[in-house]
PDB file of N, CA and C in Angstrom:
ATOM      1  N   MET A   1      -6.112   6.210  -5.554  1.00  0.00           N
ATOM      2  CA  MET A   1      -5.268   5.082  -5.854  1.00  0.00           C
ATOM      3  C   MET A   1      -4.893   5.108  -7.318  1.00  0.00           C
ATOM      4  N   GLY A   2      -3.972   4.210  -7.682  1.00  0.00           N
ATOM      5  CA  GLY A   2      -3.605   4.086  -9.083  1.00  0.00           C
ATOM      6  C   GLY A   2      -4.789   3.542  -9.846  1.00  0.00           C
ATOM      7  N   SER A   3      -4.537   3.102 -11.046  1.00  0.00           N
ATOM      8  CA  SER A   3      -5.651   2.565 -11.821  1.00  0.00           C
ATOM      9  C   SER A   3      -6.173   1.312 -11.144  1.00  0.00           C
ATOM     10  N   SER A   4      -7.468   1.177 -11.106  1.00  0.00           N
ATOM     11  CA  SER A   4      -8.054   0.025 -10.428  1.00  0.00           C
ATOM     12  C   SER A   4      -7.910  -1.215 -11.302  1.00  0.00           C
ATOM     13  N   PHE A   5      -8.118  -2.335 -10.693  1.00  0.00           N
ATOM     14  CA  PHE A   5      -8.029  -3.609 -11.394  1.00  0.00           C
ATOM     15  C   PHE A   5      -8.953  -3.622 -12.605  1.00  0.00           C
ATOM     16  N   PHE A   6     -10.148  -3.101 -12.419  1.00  0.00           N
ATOM     17  CA  PHE A   6     -11.137  -3.137 -13.490  1.00  0.00           C
ATOM     18  C   PHE A   6     -10.860  -2.111 -14.586  1.00  0.00           C
ATOM     19  N   ALA A   7     -10.036  -1.127 -14.313  1.00  0.00           N
ATOM     20  CA  ALA A   7      -9.744  -0.093 -15.302  1.00  0.00           C
ATOM     21  C   ALA A   7      -8.585  -0.482 -16.218  1.00  0.00           C
ATOM     22  N   ILE A   8      -7.866  -1.519 -15.885  1.00  0.00           N
ATOM     23  CA  ILE A   8      -6.724  -1.932 -16.696  1.00  0.00           C
ATOM     24  C   ILE A   8      -7.246  -2.514 -18.009  1.00  0.00           C
ATOM     25  N   THR A   9      -6.795  -1.955 -19.111  1.00  0.00           N
ATOM     26  CA  THR A   9      -7.302  -2.397 -20.401  1.00  0.00           C
ATOM     27  C   THR A   9      -6.292  -3.199 -21.199  1.00  0.00           C
ATOM     28  N   SER A  10      -5.029  -3.148 -20.821  1.00  0.00           N
ATOM     29  CA  SER A  10      -4.035  -3.903 -21.585  1.00  0.00           C
ATOM     30  C   SER A  10      -4.174  -5.390 -21.268  1.00  0.00           C
ATOM     31  N   ALA A  11      -3.830  -6.193 -22.243  1.00  0.00           N
ATOM     32  CA  ALA A  11      -3.949  -7.639 -22.072  1.00  0.00           C
ATOM     33  C   ALA A  11      -2.858  -8.181 -21.155  1.00  0.00           C
ATOM     34  N   TYR A  12      -1.748  -7.466 -21.069  1.00  0.00           N
ATOM     35  CA  TYR A  12      -0.619  -7.954 -20.275  1.00  0.00           C
ATOM     36  C   TYR A  12       0.041  -6.787 -19.573  1.00  0.00           C
ATOM     37  N   VAL A  13       0.358  -6.982 -18.310  1.00  0.00           N
ATOM     38  CA  VAL A  13       1.080  -5.973 -17.529  1.00  0.00           C
ATOM     39  C   VAL A  13       2.368  -6.624 -17.054  1.00  0.00           C
ATOM     40  N   GLU A  14       3.464  -5.947 -17.258  1.00  0.00           N
ATOM     41  CA  GLU A  14       4.757  -6.469 -16.805  1.00  0.00           C
ATOM     42  C   GLU A  14       4.707  -6.690 -15.291  1.00  0.00           C
ATOM     43  N   PRO A  15       5.291  -7.793 -14.817  1.00  0.00           N
ATOM     44  CA  PRO A  15       5.255  -8.084 -13.379  1.00  0.00           C
ATOM     45  C   PRO A  15       5.778  -6.942 -12.505  1.00  0.00           C
ATOM     46  N   LEU A  16       6.903  -6.348 -12.882  1.00  0.00           N
ATOM     47  CA  LEU A  16       7.457  -5.264 -12.071  1.00  0.00           C
ATOM     48  C   LEU A  16       6.549  -4.039 -12.083  1.00  0.00           C
ATOM     49  N   ASP A  17       5.863  -3.814 -13.198  1.00  0.00           N
ATOM     50  CA  ASP A  17       4.909  -2.705 -13.261  1.00  0.00           C
ATOM     51  C   ASP A  17       3.723  -2.959 -12.341  1.00  0.00           C
ATOM     52  N   MET A  18       3.259  -4.206 -12.303  1.00  0.00           N
ATOM     53  CA  MET A  18       2.139  -4.554 -11.428  1.00  0.00           C
ATOM     54  C   MET A  18       2.548  -4.398  -9.961  1.00  0.00           C
ATOM     55  N   LEU A  19       3.747  -4.842  -9.612  1.00  0.00           N
ATOM     56  CA  LEU A  19       4.219  -4.680  -8.235  1.00  0.00           C
ATOM     57  C   LEU A  19       4.315  -3.207  -7.865  1.00  0.00           C
ATOM     58  N   ALA A  20       4.809  -2.383  -8.794  1.00  0.00           N
ATOM     59  CA  ALA A  20       4.918  -0.944  -8.529  1.00  0.00           C
ATOM     60  C   ALA A  20       3.537  -0.330  -8.334  1.00  0.00           C
ATOM     61  N   GLU A  21       2.578  -0.746  -9.134  1.00  0.00           N
ATOM     62  CA  GLU A  21       1.218  -0.219  -8.993  1.00  0.00           C
ATOM     63  C   GLU A  21       0.603  -0.637  -7.657  1.00  0.00           C
ATOM     64  N   LEU A  22       0.789  -1.887  -7.293  1.00  0.00           N
ATOM     65  CA  LEU A  22       0.282  -2.351  -5.994  1.00  0.00           C
ATOM     66  C   LEU A  22       0.948  -1.601  -4.843  1.00  0.00           C
ATOM     67  N   ARG A  23       2.257  -1.371  -4.967  1.00  0.00           N
ATOM     68  CA  ARG A  23       2.979  -0.619  -3.941  1.00  0.00           C
ATOM     69  C   ARG A  23       2.408   0.785  -3.815  1.00  0.00           C
ATOM     70  N   ASP A  24       2.211   1.452  -4.928  1.00  0.00           N
ATOM     71  CA  ASP A  24       1.662   2.810  -4.905  1.00  0.00           C
ATOM     72  C   ASP A  24       0.245   2.835  -4.337  1.00  0.00           C
ATOM     73  N   ASP A  25      -0.546   1.832  -4.689  1.00  0.00           N
ATOM     74  CA  ASP A  25      -1.906   1.745  -4.137  1.00  0.00           C
ATOM     75  C   ASP A  25      -1.862   1.584  -2.617  1.00  0.00           C
ATOM     76  N   ASN A  26      -0.933   0.775  -2.127  1.00  0.00           N
ATOM     77  CA  ASN A  26      -0.808   0.585  -0.685  1.00  0.00           C
ATOM     78  C   ASN A  26      -0.358   1.855   0.014  1.00  0.00           C
ATOM     79  N   LYS A  27       0.497   2.643  -0.635  1.00  0.00           N
ATOM     80  CA  LYS A  27       0.894   3.936  -0.059  1.00  0.00           C
ATOM     81  C   LYS A  27      -0.327   4.837   0.087  1.00  0.00           C
ATOM     82  N   THR A  28      -1.189   4.812  -0.916  1.00  0.00           N
ATOM     83  CA  THR A  28      -2.409   5.618  -0.874  1.00  0.00           C
ATOM     84  C   THR A  28      -3.340   5.139   0.237  1.00  0.00           C
ATOM     85  N   VAL A  29      -3.461   3.833   0.385  1.00  0.00           N
ATOM     86  CA  VAL A  29      -4.298   3.279   1.451  1.00  0.00           C
ATOM     87  C   VAL A  29      -3.760   3.711   2.812  1.00  0.00           C
ATOM     88  N   ALA A  30      -2.446   3.623   3.000  1.00  0.00           N
ATOM     89  CA  ALA A  30      -1.851   4.027   4.280  1.00  0.00           C
ATOM     90  C   ALA A  30      -2.122   5.494   4.567  1.00  0.00           C
ATOM     91  N   SER A  31      -2.022   6.325   3.560  1.00  0.00           N
ATOM     92  CA  SER A  31      -2.302   7.752   3.739  1.00  0.00           C
ATOM     93  C   SER A  31      -3.754   7.976   4.159  1.00  0.00           C
ATOM     94  N   SER A  32      -4.667   7.289   3.513  1.00  0.00           N
ATOM     95  CA  SER A  32      -6.087   7.403   3.865  1.00  0.00           C
ATOM     96  C   SER A  32      -6.355   6.907   5.282  1.00  0.00           C
ATOM     97  N   LEU A  33      -5.682   5.831   5.663  1.00  0.00           N
ATOM     98  CA  LEU A  33      -5.853   5.317   7.019  1.00  0.00           C
ATOM     99  C   LEU A  33      -5.328   6.310   8.057  1.00  0.00           C
ATOM    100  N   ARG A  34      -4.225   6.984   7.740  1.00  0.00           N
ATOM    101  CA  ARG A  34      -3.708   7.996   8.664  1.00  0.00           C
ATOM    102  C   ARG A  34      -4.704   9.147   8.819  1.00  0.00           C
ATOM    103  N   GLU A  35      -5.354   9.525   7.729  1.00  0.00           N
ATOM    104  CA  GLU A  35      -6.390  10.563   7.806  1.00  0.00           C
ATOM    105  C   GLU A  35      -7.549  10.094   8.688  1.00  0.00           C
ATOM    106  N   ALA A  36      -7.968   8.847   8.510  1.00  0.00           N
ATOM    107  CA  ALA A  36      -9.054   8.296   9.342  1.00  0.00           C
ATOM    108  C   ALA A  36      -8.633   8.266  10.802  1.00  0.00           C
ATOM    109  N   HIS A  37      -7.373   7.966  11.048  1.00  0.00           N
ATOM    110  CA  HIS A  37      -6.865   7.932  12.416  1.00  0.00           C
ATOM    111  C   HIS A  37      -6.960   9.327  13.043  1.00  0.00           C
ATOM    112  N   SER A  38      -6.681  10.356  12.271  1.00  0.00           N
ATOM    113  CA  SER A  38      -6.784  11.727  12.772  1.00  0.00           C
ATOM    114  C   SER A  38      -8.225  12.086  13.115  1.00  0.00           C
ATOM    115  N   VAL A  39      -9.149  11.682  12.261  1.00  0.00           N
ATOM    116  CA  VAL A  39     -10.575  11.948  12.521  1.00  0.00           C
ATOM    117  C   VAL A  39     -11.004  11.249  13.799  1.00  0.00           C
ATOM    118  N   ARG A  40     -10.577  10.031  13.958  1.00  0.00           N
ATOM    119  CA  ARG A  40     -10.948   9.267  15.148  1.00  0.00           C
ATOM    120  C   ARG A  40     -10.398   9.937  16.401  1.00  0.00           C
ATOM    121  N   ALA A  41      -9.234  10.582  16.301  1.00  0.00           N
ATOM    122  CA  ALA A  41      -8.642  11.264  17.448  1.00  0.00           C
ATOM    123  C   ALA A  41      -9.525  12.416  17.908  1.00  0.00           C
ATOM    124  N   GLU A  42     -10.132  13.106  16.952  1.00  0.00           N
ATOM    125  CA  GLU A  42     -11.028  14.206  17.295  1.00  0.00           C
ATOM    126  C   GLU A  42     -12.215  13.730  18.129  1.00  0.00           C
ATOM    127  N   HIS A  43     -12.595  12.467  17.946  1.00  0.00           N
ATOM    128  CA  HIS A  43     -13.764  11.920  18.645  1.00  0.00           C
ATOM    129  C   HIS A  43     -13.384  10.987  19.792  1.00  0.00           C
ATOM    130  N   ARG A  44     -12.075  10.905  20.044  1.00  0.00           N
ATOM    131  CA  ARG A  44     -11.554  10.083  21.155  1.00  0.00           C
ATOM    132  C   ARG A  44     -12.051   8.634  21.104  1.00  0.00           C
ATOM    133  N   ASP A  45     -12.012   8.069  19.935  1.00  0.00           N
ATOM    134  CA  ASP A  45     -12.466   6.693  19.723  1.00  0.00           C
ATOM    135  C   ASP A  45     -11.267   5.749  19.807  1.00  0.00           C
ATOM    136  N   ILE A  46     -11.013   5.237  20.999  1.00  0.00           N
ATOM    137  CA  ILE A  46      -9.829   4.404  21.249  1.00  0.00           C
ATOM    138  C   ILE A  46      -9.915   3.056  20.529  1.00  0.00           C
ATOM    139  N   ALA A  47     -11.090   2.433  20.518  1.00  0.00           N
ATOM    140  CA  ALA A  47     -11.232   1.113  19.887  1.00  0.00           C
ATOM    141  C   ALA A  47     -10.918   1.189  18.391  1.00  0.00           C
ATOM    142  N   THR A  48     -11.463   2.184  17.736  1.00  0.00           N
ATOM    143  CA  THR A  48     -11.206   2.339  16.302  1.00  0.00           C
ATOM    144  C   THR A  48      -9.742   2.673  16.059  1.00  0.00           C
ATOM    145  N   ALA A  49      -9.144   3.450  16.942  1.00  0.00           N
ATOM    146  CA  ALA A  49      -7.728   3.793  16.802  1.00  0.00           C
ATOM    147  C   ALA A  49      -6.878   2.533  16.765  1.00  0.00           C
ATOM    148  N   SER A  50      -7.173   1.595  17.646  1.00  0.00           N
ATOM    149  CA  SER A  50      -6.400   0.354  17.690  1.00  0.00           C
ATOM    150  C   SER A  50      -6.523  -0.426  16.387  1.00  0.00           C
ATOM    151  N   LEU A  51      -7.722  -0.516  15.852  1.00  0.00           N
ATOM    152  CA  LEU A  51      -7.920  -1.223  14.584  1.00  0.00           C
ATOM    153  C   LEU A  51      -7.162  -0.528  13.451  1.00  0.00           C
ATOM    154  N   ILE A  52      -7.298   0.775  13.373  1.00  0.00           N
ATOM    155  CA  ILE A  52      -6.661   1.525  12.290  1.00  0.00           C
ATOM    156  C   ILE A  52      -5.147   1.409  12.382  1.00  0.00           C
ATOM    157  N   GLU A  53      -4.599   1.434  13.582  1.00  0.00           N
ATOM    158  CA  GLU A  53      -3.146   1.306  13.745  1.00  0.00           C
ATOM    159  C   GLU A  53      -2.651  -0.044  13.234  1.00  0.00           C
ATOM    160  N   VAL A  54      -3.418  -1.101  13.485  1.00  0.00           N
ATOM    161  CA  VAL A  54      -3.058  -2.421  12.973  1.00  0.00           C
ATOM    162  C   VAL A  54      -3.099  -2.407  11.446  1.00  0.00           C
ATOM    163  N   TRP A  55      -4.141  -1.816  10.878  1.00  0.00           N
ATOM    164  CA  TRP A  55      -4.261  -1.756   9.414  1.00  0.00           C
ATOM    165  C   TRP A  55      -3.133  -0.933   8.793  1.00  0.00           C
ATOM    166  N   ILE A  56      -2.743   0.149   9.459  1.00  0.00           N
ATOM    167  CA  ILE A  56      -1.624   0.950   8.958  1.00  0.00           C
ATOM    168  C   ILE A  56      -0.343   0.119   8.963  1.00  0.00           C
ATOM    169  N   ASP A  57      -0.089  -0.580  10.065  1.00  0.00           N
ATOM    170  CA  ASP A  57       1.113  -1.425  10.147  1.00  0.00           C
ATOM    171  C   ASP A  57       1.120  -2.479   9.046  1.00  0.00           C
ATOM    172  N   GLU A  58      -0.018  -3.142   8.841  1.00  0.00           N
ATOM    173  CA  GLU A  58      -0.100  -4.175   7.809  1.00  0.00           C
ATOM    174  C   GLU A  58       0.129  -3.581   6.421  1.00  0.00           C
ATOM    175  N   THR A  59      -0.444  -2.423   6.179  1.00  0.00           N
ATOM    176  CA  THR A  59      -0.292  -1.765   4.880  1.00  0.00           C
ATOM    177  C   THR A  59       1.152  -1.348   4.650  1.00  0.00           C
ATOM    178  N   GLU A  60       1.802  -0.827   5.683  1.00  0.00           N
ATOM    179  CA  GLU A  60       3.215  -0.438   5.542  1.00  0.00           C
ATOM    180  C   GLU A  60       4.101  -1.648   5.294  1.00  0.00           C
ATOM    181  N   ARG A  61       3.796  -2.776   5.929  1.00  0.00           N
ATOM    182  CA  ARG A  61       4.567  -3.999   5.679  1.00  0.00           C
ATOM    183  C   ARG A  61       4.386  -4.461   4.235  1.00  0.00           C
ATOM    184  N   ARG A  62       3.145  -4.407   3.736  1.00  0.00           N
ATOM    185  CA  ARG A  62       2.908  -4.775   2.331  1.00  0.00           C
ATOM    186  C   ARG A  62       3.662  -3.837   1.398  1.00  0.00           C
ATOM    187  N   THR A  63       3.640  -2.553   1.704  1.00  0.00           N
ATOM    188  CA  THR A  63       4.335  -1.570   0.868  1.00  0.00           C
ATOM    189  C   THR A  63       5.823  -1.883   0.818  1.00  0.00           C
ATOM    190  N   TRP A  64       6.411  -2.177   1.973  1.00  0.00           N
ATOM    191  CA  TRP A  64       7.835  -2.522   2.022  1.00  0.00           C
ATOM    192  C   TRP A  64       8.107  -3.782   1.210  1.00  0.00           C
ATOM    193  N   PHE A  65       7.281  -4.817   1.398  1.00  0.00           N
ATOM    194  CA  PHE A  65       7.472  -6.074   0.672  1.00  0.00           C
ATOM    195  C   PHE A  65       7.388  -5.846  -0.833  1.00  0.00           C
ATOM    196  N   LEU A  66       6.389  -5.087  -1.270  1.00  0.00           N
ATOM    197  CA  LEU A  66       6.224  -4.819  -2.698  1.00  0.00           C
ATOM    198  C   LEU A  66       7.397  -4.016  -3.248  1.00  0.00           C
ATOM    199  N   PHE A  67       7.916  -3.086  -2.450  1.00  0.00           N
ATOM    200  CA  PHE A  67       9.105  -2.334  -2.863  1.00  0.00           C
ATOM    201  C   PHE A  67      10.284  -3.285  -3.055  1.00  0.00           C
ATOM    202  N   GLU A  68      10.536  -4.123  -2.063  1.00  0.00           N
ATOM    203  CA  GLU A  68      11.670  -5.047  -2.136  1.00  0.00           C
ATOM    204  C   GLU A  68      11.499  -6.045  -3.277  1.00  0.00           C
ATOM    205  N   ALA A  69      10.278  -6.524  -3.473  1.00  0.00           N
ATOM    206  CA  ALA A  69      10.026  -7.514  -4.527  1.00  0.00           C
ATOM    207  C   ALA A  69      10.195  -6.901  -5.925  1.00  0.00           C
ATOM    208  N   SER A  70      10.025  -5.588  -6.029  1.00  0.00           N
ATOM    209  CA  SER A  70      10.097  -4.962  -7.341  1.00  0.00           C
ATOM    210  C   SER A  70      11.475  -4.394  -7.674  1.00  0.00           C
ATOM    211  N   ARG A  71      12.407  -4.501  -6.742  1.00  0.00           N
ATOM    212  CA  ARG A  71      13.765  -3.995  -7.008  1.00  0.00           C
ATOM    213  C   ARG A  71      14.473  -4.897  -7.994  1.00  0.00           C
ATOM    214  N   ARG A  72      15.201  -4.300  -8.877  1.00  0.00           N
ATOM    215  CA  ARG A  72      15.981  -5.088  -9.831  1.00  0.00           C
ATOM    216  C   ARG A  72      17.325  -5.408  -9.182  1.00  0.00           C
ATOM    217  N   GLY A  73      17.695  -6.670  -9.224  1.00  0.00           N
ATOM    218  CA  GLY A  73      18.971  -7.079  -8.664  1.00  0.00           C
ATOM    219  C   GLY A  73      20.121  -6.724  -9.593  1.00  0.00           C
ATOM    220  N   ASP A  74      21.306  -6.702  -9.030  1.00  0.00           N
ATOM    221  CA  ASP A  74      22.479  -6.469  -9.880  1.00  0.00           C
ATOM    222  C   ASP A  74      22.952  -7.801 -10.468  1.00  0.00           C
ATOM    223  N   SER A  75      24.072  -7.793 -11.111  1.00  0.00           N
ATOM    224  CA  SER A  75      24.555  -9.005 -11.788  1.00  0.00           C
ATOM    225  C   SER A  75      24.908 -10.125 -10.805  1.00  0.00           C
ATOM    226  N   THR A  76      25.092  -9.786  -9.521  1.00  0.00           N
ATOM    227  CA  THR A  76      25.397 -10.819  -8.529  1.00  0.00           C
ATOM    228  C   THR A  76      24.140 -11.407  -7.901  1.00  0.00           C
ATOM    229  N   GLY A  77      22.985 -10.859  -8.261  1.00  0.00           N
ATOM    230  CA  GLY A  77      21.738 -11.365  -7.696  1.00  0.00           C
ATOM    231  C   GLY A  77      21.298 -10.616  -6.466  1.00  0.00           C
ATOM    232  N   HIS A  78      21.994  -9.527  -6.134  1.00  0.00           N
ATOM    233  CA  HIS A  78      21.645  -8.745  -4.946  1.00  0.00           C
ATOM    234  C   HIS A  78      21.007  -7.445  -5.336  1.00  0.00           C
TER     235      HIS A  78
END
């Protein structure tokens, strides 16, 4: 993941920078969850697969939201 919350040493982080960091962290989490999903497939663990799929979906939704929230609008506000 990106720098952890506890590793941040600056007194202030720009809001858009924080959103970008959270977005990148969520991308990393989704990647790790996909790896876990692959491991679970090797062991035919259906119950865990269902949980991991939900977590992947939630993580991807957060990633999308953080991406959209961090976009800079144009002069019309779009």
